[in-house]
PDB file of N, CA and C in Angstrom:
ATOM      1  N   MET A   1       3.458  23.647 -31.810  1.00  0.00           N
ATOM      2  CA  MET A   1       3.745  23.208 -30.480  1.00  0.00           C
ATOM      3  C   MET A   1       5.009  24.086 -29.943  1.00  0.00           C
ATOM      4  N   ALA A   2       5.909  24.708 -30.734  1.00  0.00           N
ATOM      5  CA  ALA A   2       7.023  25.538 -30.603  1.00  0.00           C
ATOM      6  C   ALA A   2       6.277  26.693 -29.804  1.00  0.00           C
ATOM      7  N   GLU A   3       5.020  26.949 -30.414  1.00  0.00           N
ATOM      8  CA  GLU A   3       4.661  28.779 -29.882  1.00  0.00           C
ATOM      9  C   GLU A   3       4.108  28.121 -28.386  1.00  0.00           C
ATOM     10  N   LYS A   4       3.540  27.183 -28.155  1.00  0.00           N
ATOM     11  CA  LYS A   4       3.040  27.129 -26.770  1.00  0.00           C
ATOM     12  C   LYS A   4       4.197  26.806 -25.852  1.00  0.00           C
ATOM     13  N   LEU A   5       5.461  26.612 -26.418  1.00  0.00           N
ATOM     14  CA  LEU A   5       6.821  26.323 -25.561  1.00  0.00           C
ATOM     15  C   LEU A   5       7.187  27.856 -25.150  1.00  0.00           C
ATOM     16  N   LYS A   6       6.953  28.865 -26.146  1.00  0.00           N
ATOM     17  CA  LYS A   6       7.410  30.015 -26.130  1.00  0.00           C
ATOM     18  C   LYS A   6       6.438  30.842 -24.949  1.00  0.00           C
ATOM     19  N   LYS A   7       5.410  30.367 -24.994  1.00  0.00           N
ATOM     20  CA  LYS A   7       4.166  31.278 -23.977  1.00  0.00           C
ATOM     21  C   LYS A   7       4.447  30.541 -22.645  1.00  0.00           C
ATOM     22  N   ALA A   8       4.786  29.438 -22.484  1.00  0.00           N
ATOM     23  CA  ALA A   8       4.927  28.837 -21.256  1.00  0.00           C
ATOM     24  C   ALA A   8       6.104  29.332 -20.623  1.00  0.00           C
ATOM     25  N   LYS A   9       7.421  29.698 -21.388  1.00  0.00           N
ATOM     26  CA  LYS A   9       8.687  30.038 -20.871  1.00  0.00           C
ATOM     27  C   LYS A   9       8.770  31.105 -19.880  1.00  0.00           C
ATOM     28  N   TYR A  10       9.264  31.027 -18.749  1.00  0.00           N
ATOM     29  CA  TYR A  10       9.559  31.774 -17.743  1.00  0.00           C
ATOM     30  C   TYR A  10       9.829  33.438 -17.860  1.00  0.00           C
ATOM     31  N   LYS A  11       9.258  34.355 -17.889  1.00  0.00           N
ATOM     32  CA  LYS A  11       9.925  35.701 -17.978  1.00  0.00           C
ATOM     33  C   LYS A  11      10.437  36.220 -17.249  1.00  0.00           C
ATOM     34  N   PHE A  12      12.134  36.368 -17.399  1.00  0.00           N
ATOM     35  CA  PHE A  12      12.793  37.163 -16.443  1.00  0.00           C
ATOM     36  C   PHE A  12      12.501  38.630 -16.344  1.00  0.00           C
ATOM     37  N   PRO A  13      12.375  39.160 -15.390  1.00  0.00           N
ATOM     38  CA  PRO A  13      12.144  41.011 -15.232  1.00  0.00           C
ATOM     39  C   PRO A  13      13.608  41.396 -15.497  1.00  0.00           C
ATOM     40  N   ARG A  14      13.339  42.172 -16.550  1.00  0.00           N
ATOM     41  CA  ARG A  14      14.358  42.947 -17.050  1.00  0.00           C
ATOM     42  C   ARG A  14      14.615  44.320 -16.245  1.00  0.00           C
ATOM     43  N   LYS A  15      13.522  44.806 -15.559  1.00  0.00           N
ATOM     44  CA  LYS A  15      13.592  45.759 -14.638  1.00  0.00           C
ATOM     45  C   LYS A  15      13.543  45.471 -13.065  1.00  0.00           C
ATOM     46  N   GLY A  16      14.246  46.560 -12.393  1.00  0.00           N
ATOM     47  CA  GLY A  16      13.795  46.512 -10.943  1.00  0.00           C
ATOM     48  C   GLY A  16      15.030  46.639 -10.352  1.00  0.00           C
ATOM     49  N   ASP A  17      15.398  45.828  -9.178  1.00  0.00           N
ATOM     50  CA  ASP A  17      16.375  45.800  -8.499  1.00  0.00           C
ATOM     51  C   ASP A  17      17.253  44.616  -8.687  1.00  0.00           C
ATOM     52  N   PHE A  18      18.718  44.895  -9.173  1.00  0.00           N
ATOM     53  CA  PHE A  18      19.378  43.944  -9.421  1.00  0.00           C
ATOM     54  C   PHE A  18      21.114  44.298  -8.866  1.00  0.00           C
ATOM     55  N   HIS A  19      21.905  43.174  -8.062  1.00  0.00           N
ATOM     56  CA  HIS A  19      22.647  43.492  -7.348  1.00  0.00           C
ATOM     57  C   HIS A  19      23.929  42.548  -7.702  1.00  0.00           C
ATOM     58  N   VAL A  20      25.139  43.445  -8.374  1.00  0.00           N
ATOM     59  CA  VAL A  20      26.599  42.788  -8.543  1.00  0.00           C
ATOM     60  C   VAL A  20      27.064  42.857  -7.239  1.00  0.00           C
ATOM     61  N   TYR A  21      27.653  41.637  -6.900  1.00  0.00           N
ATOM     62  CA  TYR A  21      28.398  41.475  -5.849  1.00  0.00           C
ATOM     63  C   TYR A  21      29.399  40.543  -5.959  1.00  0.00           C
ATOM     64  N   ILE A  22      30.557  40.802  -4.614  1.00  0.00           N
ATOM     65  CA  ILE A  22      31.532  40.192  -4.587  1.00  0.00           C
ATOM     66  C   ILE A  22      31.684  39.554  -3.382  1.00  0.00           C
ATOM     67  N   LEU A  23      31.844  38.145  -3.392  1.00  0.00           N
ATOM     68  CA  LEU A  23      31.942  37.517  -1.820  1.00  0.00           C
ATOM     69  C   LEU A  23      33.659  37.012  -1.781  1.00  0.00           C
ATOM     70  N   GLU A  24      33.769  36.902  -0.302  1.00  0.00           N
ATOM     71  CA  GLU A  24      35.238  36.524   0.195  1.00  0.00           C
ATOM     72  C   GLU A  24      35.062  35.139   0.613  1.00  0.00           C
ATOM     73  N   CYS A  25      35.596  34.195   0.230  1.00  0.00           N
ATOM     74  CA  CYS A  25      35.231  32.648   0.505  1.00  0.00           C
ATOM     75  C   CYS A  25      36.315  32.587   1.620  1.00  0.00           C
ATOM     76  N   SER A  26      35.781  31.531   2.205  1.00  0.00           N
ATOM     77  CA  SER A  26      36.813  31.090   3.454  1.00  0.00           C
ATOM     78  C   SER A  26      38.269  30.714   2.865  1.00  0.00           C
ATOM     79  N   ASP A  27      38.814  30.477   1.991  1.00  0.00           N
ATOM     80  CA  ASP A  27      39.995  30.069   1.529  1.00  0.00           C
ATOM     81  C   ASP A  27      40.813  31.472   0.662  1.00  0.00           C
ATOM     82  N   GLY A  28      39.921  32.571   0.766  1.00  0.00           N
ATOM     83  CA  GLY A  28      40.325  34.240   0.727  1.00  0.00           C
ATOM     84  C   GLY A  28      40.065  34.341  -0.985  1.00  0.00           C
ATOM     85  N   THR A  29      39.547  33.399  -1.543  1.00  0.00           N
ATOM     86  CA  THR A  29      39.151  33.493  -3.073  1.00  0.00           C
ATOM     87  C   THR A  29      37.887  34.457  -3.013  1.00  0.00           C
ATOM     88  N   TYR A  30      38.008  35.200  -3.884  1.00  0.00           N
ATOM     89  CA  TYR A  30      36.725  36.056  -4.624  1.00  0.00           C
ATOM     90  C   TYR A  30      35.854  35.412  -5.276  1.00  0.00           C
ATOM     91  N   TYR A  31      34.479  35.468  -5.165  1.00  0.00           N
ATOM     92  CA  TYR A  31      33.639  35.323  -6.269  1.00  0.00           C
ATOM     93  C   TYR A  31      32.595  36.134  -6.551  1.00  0.00           C
ATOM     94  N   THR A  32      32.295  36.382  -7.862  1.00  0.00           N
ATOM     95  CA  THR A  32      31.362  37.416  -8.275  1.00  0.00           C
ATOM     96  C   THR A  32      30.317  36.919  -8.756  1.00  0.00           C
ATOM     97  N   GLY A  33      29.118  37.883  -8.501  1.00  0.00           N
ATOM     98  CA  GLY A  33      27.772  37.436  -9.137  1.00  0.00           C
ATOM     99  C   GLY A  33      27.008  38.389  -9.548  1.00  0.00           C
ATOM    100  N   TYR A  34      25.617  38.168  -9.705  1.00  0.00           N
ATOM    101  CA  TYR A  34      24.288  39.118  -9.634  1.00  0.00           C
ATOM    102  C   TYR A  34      23.201  38.328  -9.597  1.00  0.00           C
ATOM    103  N   THR A  35      22.114  39.263  -8.854  1.00  0.00           N
ATOM    104  CA  THR A  35      21.295  38.644  -8.326  1.00  0.00           C
ATOM    105  C   THR A  35      19.952  39.787  -8.033  1.00  0.00           C
ATOM    106  N   PRO A  36      18.644  39.511  -8.122  1.00  0.00           N
ATOM    107  CA  PRO A  36      17.882  40.547  -7.788  1.00  0.00           C
ATOM    108  C   PRO A  36      17.544  40.216  -6.355  1.00  0.00           C
ATOM    109  N   ASP A  37      17.927  39.526  -5.280  1.00  0.00           N
ATOM    110  CA  ASP A  37      17.616  39.509  -4.253  1.00  0.00           C
ATOM    111  C   ASP A  37      19.202  39.119  -3.426  1.00  0.00           C
ATOM    112  N   LEU A  38      19.964  40.215  -2.852  1.00  0.00           N
ATOM    113  CA  LEU A  38      21.166  39.990  -2.309  1.00  0.00           C
ATOM    114  C   LEU A  38      21.226  39.050  -1.380  1.00  0.00           C
ATOM    115  N   LYS A  39      20.501  39.561  -0.386  1.00  0.00           N
ATOM    116  CA  LYS A  39      20.378  38.864   1.169  1.00  0.00           C
ATOM    117  C   LYS A  39      19.944  37.101   0.722  1.00  0.00           C
ATOM    118  N   ARG A  40      18.895  36.977   0.055  1.00  0.00           N
ATOM    119  CA  ARG A  40      18.609  35.633  -0.120  1.00  0.00           C
ATOM    120  C   ARG A  40      19.727  34.752  -0.920  1.00  0.00           C
ATOM    121  N   ARG A  41      20.429  35.658  -1.802  1.00  0.00           N
ATOM    122  CA  ARG A  41      21.560  34.909  -2.536  1.00  0.00           C
ATOM    123  C   ARG A  41      22.845  34.470  -1.906  1.00  0.00           C
ATOM    124  N   VAL A  42      23.142  35.336  -1.038  1.00  0.00           N
ATOM    125  CA  VAL A  42      24.355  35.266   0.122  1.00  0.00           C
ATOM    126  C   VAL A  42      24.049  34.057   1.019  1.00  0.00           C
ATOM    127  N   GLU A  43      22.792  34.060   1.588  1.00  0.00           N
ATOM    128  CA  GLU A  43      22.290  32.961   2.350  1.00  0.00           C
ATOM    129  C   GLU A  43      22.602  31.756   1.721  1.00  0.00           C
ATOM    130  N   LEU A  44      21.969  31.610   0.414  1.00  0.00           N
ATOM    131  CA  LEU A  44      21.982  30.579  -0.419  1.00  0.00           C
ATOM    132  C   LEU A  44      23.569  29.816  -0.582  1.00  0.00           C
ATOM    133  N   HIS A  45      24.368  30.761  -0.763  1.00  0.00           N
ATOM    134  CA  HIS A  45      25.859  30.433  -0.987  1.00  0.00           C
ATOM    135  C   HIS A  45      26.378  30.106   0.653  1.00  0.00           C
ATOM    136  N   ASN A  46      25.977  30.392   1.538  1.00  0.00           N
ATOM    137  CA  ASN A  46      26.314  29.953   2.916  1.00  0.00           C
ATOM    138  C   ASN A  46      25.929  28.491   3.127  1.00  0.00           C
ATOM    139  N   LYS A  47      24.573  28.332   2.663  1.00  0.00           N
ATOM    140  CA  LYS A  47      24.024  27.027   2.980  1.00  0.00           C
ATOM    141  C   LYS A  47      24.518  25.958   1.757  1.00  0.00           C
ATOM    142  N   GLY A  48      25.226  26.430   0.982  1.00  0.00           N
ATOM    143  CA  GLY A  48      25.762  25.229  -0.267  1.00  0.00           C
ATOM    144  C   GLY A  48      24.839  25.150  -1.223  1.00  0.00           C
ATOM    145  N   ARG A  49      23.883  25.923  -1.555  1.00  0.00           N
ATOM    146  CA  ARG A  49      22.876  25.658  -2.638  1.00  0.00           C
ATOM    147  C   ARG A  49      23.288  27.158  -3.422  1.00  0.00           C
ATOM    148  N   GLY A  50      24.158  27.910  -3.358  1.00  0.00           N
ATOM    149  CA  GLY A  50      24.727  28.801  -4.550  1.00  0.00           C
ATOM    150  C   GLY A  50      25.415  28.163  -5.594  1.00  0.00           C
ATOM    151  N   ALA A  51      26.411  28.905  -5.865  1.00  0.00           N
ATOM    152  CA  ALA A  51      27.264  28.773  -6.956  1.00  0.00           C
ATOM    153  C   ALA A  51      27.954  27.286  -6.685  1.00  0.00           C
ATOM    154  N   LYS A  52      28.445  26.486  -7.528  1.00  0.00           N
ATOM    155  CA  LYS A  52      29.093  25.249  -7.316  1.00  0.00           C
ATOM    156  C   LYS A  52      30.538  25.818  -6.704  1.00  0.00           C
ATOM    157  N   TYR A  53      31.101  26.687  -7.159  1.00  0.00           N
ATOM    158  CA  TYR A  53      32.487  27.147  -6.810  1.00  0.00           C
ATOM    159  C   TYR A  53      32.201  27.564  -5.033  1.00  0.00           C
ATOM    160  N   THR A  54      31.369  28.022  -4.649  1.00  0.00           N
ATOM    161  CA  THR A  54      31.601  28.356  -3.288  1.00  0.00           C
ATOM    162  C   THR A  54      31.063  27.199  -2.433  1.00  0.00           C
ATOM    163  N   ARG A  55      30.229  26.186  -2.880  1.00  0.00           N
ATOM    164  CA  ARG A  55      29.919  25.150  -2.091  1.00  0.00           C
ATOM    165  C   ARG A  55      31.115  24.562  -1.308  1.00  0.00           C
ATOM    166  N   THR A  56      32.146  24.542  -1.385  1.00  0.00           N
ATOM    167  CA  THR A  56      33.377  23.892  -0.960  1.00  0.00           C
ATOM    168  C   THR A  56      34.235  24.859  -0.093  1.00  0.00           C
ATOM    169  N   ARG A  57      33.689  26.294  -0.127  1.00  0.00           N
ATOM    170  CA  ARG A  57      34.772  27.339   0.230  1.00  0.00           C
ATOM    171  C   ARG A  57      33.634  28.118   1.290  1.00  0.00           C
ATOM    172  N   ARG A  58      32.931  27.612   1.913  1.00  0.00           N
ATOM    173  CA  ARG A  58      32.093  28.178   2.994  1.00  0.00           C
ATOM    174  C   ARG A  58      32.547  28.326   4.310  1.00  0.00           C
ATOM    175  N   PRO A  59      32.570  28.980   5.279  1.00  0.00           N
ATOM    176  CA  PRO A  59      31.184  30.585   4.941  1.00  0.00           C
ATOM    177  C   PRO A  59      32.045  31.532   3.983  1.00  0.00           C
ATOM    178  N   VAL A  60      31.037  32.218   3.173  1.00  0.00           N
ATOM    179  CA  VAL A  60      31.537  33.130   2.460  1.00  0.00           C
ATOM    180  C   VAL A  60      31.000  34.689   3.082  1.00  0.00           C
ATOM    181  N   GLN A  61      31.594  35.565   2.681  1.00  0.00           N
ATOM    182  CA  GLN A  61      31.375  36.925   3.502  1.00  0.00           C
ATOM    183  C   GLN A  61      30.941  37.945   2.234  1.00  0.00           C
ATOM    184  N   LEU A  62      30.013  38.564   2.237  1.00  0.00           N
ATOM    185  CA  LEU A  62      30.112  39.744   1.070  1.00  0.00           C
ATOM    186  C   LEU A  62      30.784  40.773   1.675  1.00  0.00           C
ATOM    187  N   ILE A  63      31.679  41.257   0.607  1.00  0.00           N
ATOM    188  CA  ILE A  63      32.650  42.181   0.680  1.00  0.00           C
ATOM    189  C   ILE A  63      32.180  43.625  -0.253  1.00  0.00           C
ATOM    190  N   TRP A  64      31.445  43.348  -1.121  1.00  0.00           N
ATOM    191  CA  TRP A  64      31.104  44.461  -1.884  1.00  0.00           C
ATOM    192  C   TRP A  64      29.947  44.217  -2.673  1.00  0.00           C
ATOM    193  N   ASN A  65      29.190  45.256  -2.949  1.00  0.00           N
ATOM    194  CA  ASN A  65      28.097  45.312  -3.702  1.00  0.00           C
ATOM    195  C   ASN A  65      27.582  46.561  -4.491  1.00  0.00           C
ATOM    196  N   LYS A  66      26.788  46.292  -5.634  1.00  0.00           N
ATOM    197  CA  LYS A  66      26.339  47.699  -6.359  1.00  0.00           C
ATOM    198  C   LYS A  66      25.277  47.318  -7.189  1.00  0.00           C
ATOM    199  N   GLY A  67      24.274  48.206  -6.732  1.00  0.00           N
ATOM    200  CA  GLY A  67      22.684  48.166  -7.150  1.00  0.00           C
ATOM    201  C   GLY A  67      22.647  48.731  -8.664  1.00  0.00           C
ATOM    202  N   TYR A  68      21.658  48.243  -9.536  1.00  0.00           N
ATOM    203  CA  TYR A  68      21.332  48.602 -10.763  1.00  0.00           C
ATOM    204  C   TYR A  68      19.975  48.228 -10.997  1.00  0.00           C
ATOM    205  N   ARG A  69      19.533  49.348 -11.656  1.00  0.00           N
ATOM    206  CA  ARG A  69      17.940  49.063 -11.930  1.00  0.00           C
ATOM    207  C   ARG A  69      17.540  47.899 -13.298  1.00  0.00           C
ATOM    208  N   TYR A  70      18.557  48.229 -14.097  1.00  0.00           N
ATOM    209  CA  TYR A  70      18.272  47.123 -15.310  1.00  0.00           C
ATOM    210  C   TYR A  70      19.516  45.740 -15.355  1.00  0.00           C
ATOM    211  N   PHE A  71      18.617  44.646 -15.635  1.00  0.00           N
ATOM    212  CA  PHE A  71      19.357  43.397 -15.729  1.00  0.00           C
ATOM    213  C   PHE A  71      20.623  43.571 -16.398  1.00  0.00           C
ATOM    214  N   LYS A  72      20.334  44.125 -17.627  1.00  0.00           N
ATOM    215  CA  LYS A  72      21.506  44.132 -18.858  1.00  0.00           C
ATOM    216  C   LYS A  72      22.678  44.896 -18.200  1.00  0.00           C
ATOM    217  N   ASN A  73      22.440  45.878 -17.334  1.00  0.00           N
ATOM    218  CA  ASN A  73      23.704  46.489 -16.715  1.00  0.00           C
ATOM    219  C   ASN A  73      24.411  45.956 -15.747  1.00  0.00           C
ATOM    220  N   ALA A  74      23.391  45.216 -14.750  1.00  0.00           N
ATOM    221  CA  ALA A  74      24.197  44.544 -13.659  1.00  0.00           C
ATOM    222  C   ALA A  74      25.013  43.258 -14.355  1.00  0.00           C
ATOM    223  N   PHE A  75      24.407  42.677 -15.372  1.00  0.00           N
ATOM    224  CA  PHE A  75      24.855  41.327 -16.102  1.00  0.00           C
ATOM    225  C   PHE A  75      26.229  41.462 -16.832  1.00  0.00           C
ATOM    226  N   LEU A  76      26.408  43.025 -17.499  1.00  0.00           N
ATOM    227  CA  LEU A  76      27.543  43.278 -17.828  1.00  0.00           C
ATOM    228  C   LEU A  76      28.683  43.803 -16.952  1.00  0.00           C
ATOM    229  N   GLU A  77      28.292  44.004 -15.809  1.00  0.00           N
ATOM    230  CA  GLU A  77      29.181  44.943 -15.054  1.00  0.00           C
ATOM    231  C   GLU A  77      29.894  43.269 -14.249  1.00  0.00           C
ATOM    232  N   GLU A  78      29.077  42.636 -14.036  1.00  0.00           N
ATOM    233  CA  GLU A  78      29.358  41.287 -13.513  1.00  0.00           C
ATOM    234  C   GLU A  78      30.442  40.753 -14.489  1.00  0.00           C
ATOM    235  N   LYS A  79      30.155  40.711 -15.733  1.00  0.00           N
ATOM    236  CA  LYS A  79      31.123  40.149 -16.915  1.00  0.00           C
ATOM    237  C   LYS A  79      32.516  40.877 -16.553  1.00  0.00           C
ATOM    238  N   ARG A  80      32.444  42.318 -16.900  1.00  0.00           N
ATOM    239  CA  ARG A  80      33.701  43.047 -16.542  1.00  0.00           C
ATOM    240  C   ARG A  80      34.357  42.821 -15.573  1.00  0.00           C
ATOM    241  N   ILE A  81      33.621  42.502 -14.162  1.00  0.00           N
ATOM    242  CA  ILE A  81      34.613  42.048 -12.959  1.00  0.00           C
ATOM    243  C   ILE A  81      35.141  40.872 -13.023  1.00  0.00           C
ATOM    244  N   LYS A  82      34.342  40.209 -13.415  1.00  0.00           N
ATOM    245  CA  LYS A  82      35.079  38.804 -13.448  1.00  0.00           C
ATOM    246  C   LYS A  82      36.231  38.653 -14.748  1.00  0.00           C
ATOM    247  N   GLY A  83      36.590  39.323 -15.184  1.00  0.00           N
ATOM    248  CA  GLY A  83      37.592  39.656 -16.028  1.00  0.00           C
ATOM    249  C   GLY A  83      38.705  40.603 -15.613  1.00  0.00           C
ATOM    250  N   LEU A  84      38.625  40.854 -14.278  1.00  0.00           N
ATOM    251  CA  LEU A  84      39.810  41.834 -13.791  1.00  0.00           C
ATOM    252  C   LEU A  84      40.375  40.715 -12.828  1.00  0.00           C
ATOM    253  N   THR A  85      41.929  41.395 -12.558  1.00  0.00           N
ATOM    254  CA  THR A  85      42.818  40.792 -11.999  1.00  0.00           C
ATOM    255  C   THR A  85      42.464  40.827 -10.135  1.00  0.00           C
ATOM    256  N   ARG A  86      43.073  39.707  -9.474  1.00  0.00           N
ATOM    257  CA  ARG A  86      42.795  39.991  -8.268  1.00  0.00           C
ATOM    258  C   ARG A  86      43.144  41.194  -7.660  1.00  0.00           C
ATOM    259  N   ARG A  87      44.339  41.803  -7.951  1.00  0.00           N
ATOM    260  CA  ARG A  87      44.655  43.265  -7.449  1.00  0.00           C
ATOM    261  C   ARG A  87      43.486  44.460  -7.817  1.00  0.00           C
ATOM    262  N   GLN A  88      42.993  44.150  -9.217  1.00  0.00           N
ATOM    263  CA  GLN A  88      41.952  45.121  -9.535  1.00  0.00           C
ATOM    264  C   GLN A  88      40.762  44.778  -8.865  1.00  0.00           C
ATOM    265  N   LYS A  89      40.423  44.000  -8.183  1.00  0.00           N
ATOM    266  CA  LYS A  89      39.011  43.327  -7.611  1.00  0.00           C
ATOM    267  C   LYS A  89      39.464  44.085  -6.358  1.00  0.00           C
ATOM    268  N   GLU A  90      40.852  43.954  -5.714  1.00  0.00           N
ATOM    269  CA  GLU A  90      40.991  44.547  -4.177  1.00  0.00           C
ATOM    270  C   GLU A  90      40.783  45.820  -4.226  1.00  0.00           C
ATOM    271  N   LYS A  91      41.258  46.508  -5.279  1.00  0.00           N
ATOM    272  CA  LYS A  91      41.395  48.139  -5.464  1.00  0.00           C
ATOM    273  C   LYS A  91      39.677  48.576  -5.617  1.00  0.00           C
ATOM    274  N   LEU A  92      39.058  47.754  -6.335  1.00  0.00           N
ATOM    275  CA  LEU A  92      37.497  48.216  -6.329  1.00  0.00           C
ATOM    276  C   LEU A  92      36.870  47.795  -5.108  1.00  0.00           C
ATOM    277  N   VAL A  93      37.409  47.048  -4.121  1.00  0.00           N
ATOM    278  CA  VAL A  93      36.584  46.645  -2.982  1.00  0.00           C
ATOM    279  C   VAL A  93      36.844  47.831  -2.033  1.00  0.00           C
ATOM    280  N   LYS A  94      38.275  48.106  -1.985  1.00  0.00           N
ATOM    281  CA  LYS A  94      38.832  49.175  -1.332  1.00  0.00           C
ATOM    282  C   LYS A  94      38.406  50.703  -1.588  1.00  0.00           C
ATOM    283  N   GLY A  95      38.253  50.981  -2.852  1.00  0.00           N
ATOM    284  CA  GLY A  95      37.729  52.177  -3.057  1.00  0.00           C
ATOM    285  C   GLY A  95      36.433  52.521  -3.393  1.00  0.00           C
ATOM    286  N   SER A  96      35.529  51.567  -3.207  1.00  0.00           N
ATOM    287  CA  SER A  96      34.050  51.716  -3.344  1.00  0.00           C
ATOM    288  C   SER A  96      33.468  51.550  -2.108  1.00  0.00           C
ATOM    289  N   LYS A  97      32.322  52.540  -1.910  1.00  0.00           N
ATOM    290  CA  LYS A  97      31.455  52.455  -0.929  1.00  0.00           C
ATOM    291  C   LYS A  97      30.260  50.919  -1.283  1.00  0.00           C
ATOM    292  N   LYS A  98      30.102  50.328   0.093  1.00  0.00           N
ATOM    293  CA  LYS A  98      29.243  49.452  -0.178  1.00  0.00           C
ATOM    294  C   LYS A  98      27.780  50.039  -0.361  1.00  0.00           C
ATOM    295  N   ASN A  99      26.977  49.074  -0.919  1.00  0.00           N
ATOM    296  CA  ASN A  99      25.594  49.592  -1.296  1.00  0.00           C
ATOM    297  C   ASN A  99      25.318  50.495  -2.252  1.00  0.00           C
ATOM    298  N   GLU A 100      26.037  50.841  -3.233  1.00  0.00           N
ATOM    299  CA  GLU A 100      25.941  51.785  -3.994  1.00  0.00           C
ATOM    300  C   GLU A 100      25.029  51.410  -5.380  1.00  0.00           C
ATOM    301  N   ARG A 101      24.319  52.357  -5.896  1.00  0.00           N
ATOM    302  CA  ARG A 101      23.048  51.908  -6.729  1.00  0.00           C
ATOM    303  C   ARG A 101      23.312  52.911  -7.810  1.00  0.00           C
ATOM    304  N   TYR A 102      23.207  52.291  -9.122  1.00  0.00           N
ATOM    305  CA  TYR A 102      23.303  53.217 -10.063  1.00  0.00           C
ATOM    306  C   TYR A 102      22.115  52.649 -11.150  1.00  0.00           C
TER     307      TYR A 102
END
């Protein structure tokens, strides 16, 4: 039975296009996330179907993103950015060009 569950489990793609992004919420706070489809994800946030954090802080605006070829790199970058202070995030946003790819 356990083998059937493993085979039926959804396989998440590990290579492709992944984006780490920072949104500015209507209350001025920042939200950081990652996704394989940036445009769709921002639309979901603005429709109230994104993260719980952004549901009550709409509309949100994309202020920074960076593309990656591997899920692991995007995941680790998101984790790193979430650990930054507000000031460090502002510096990242101001010092980087939008739509970078690594």
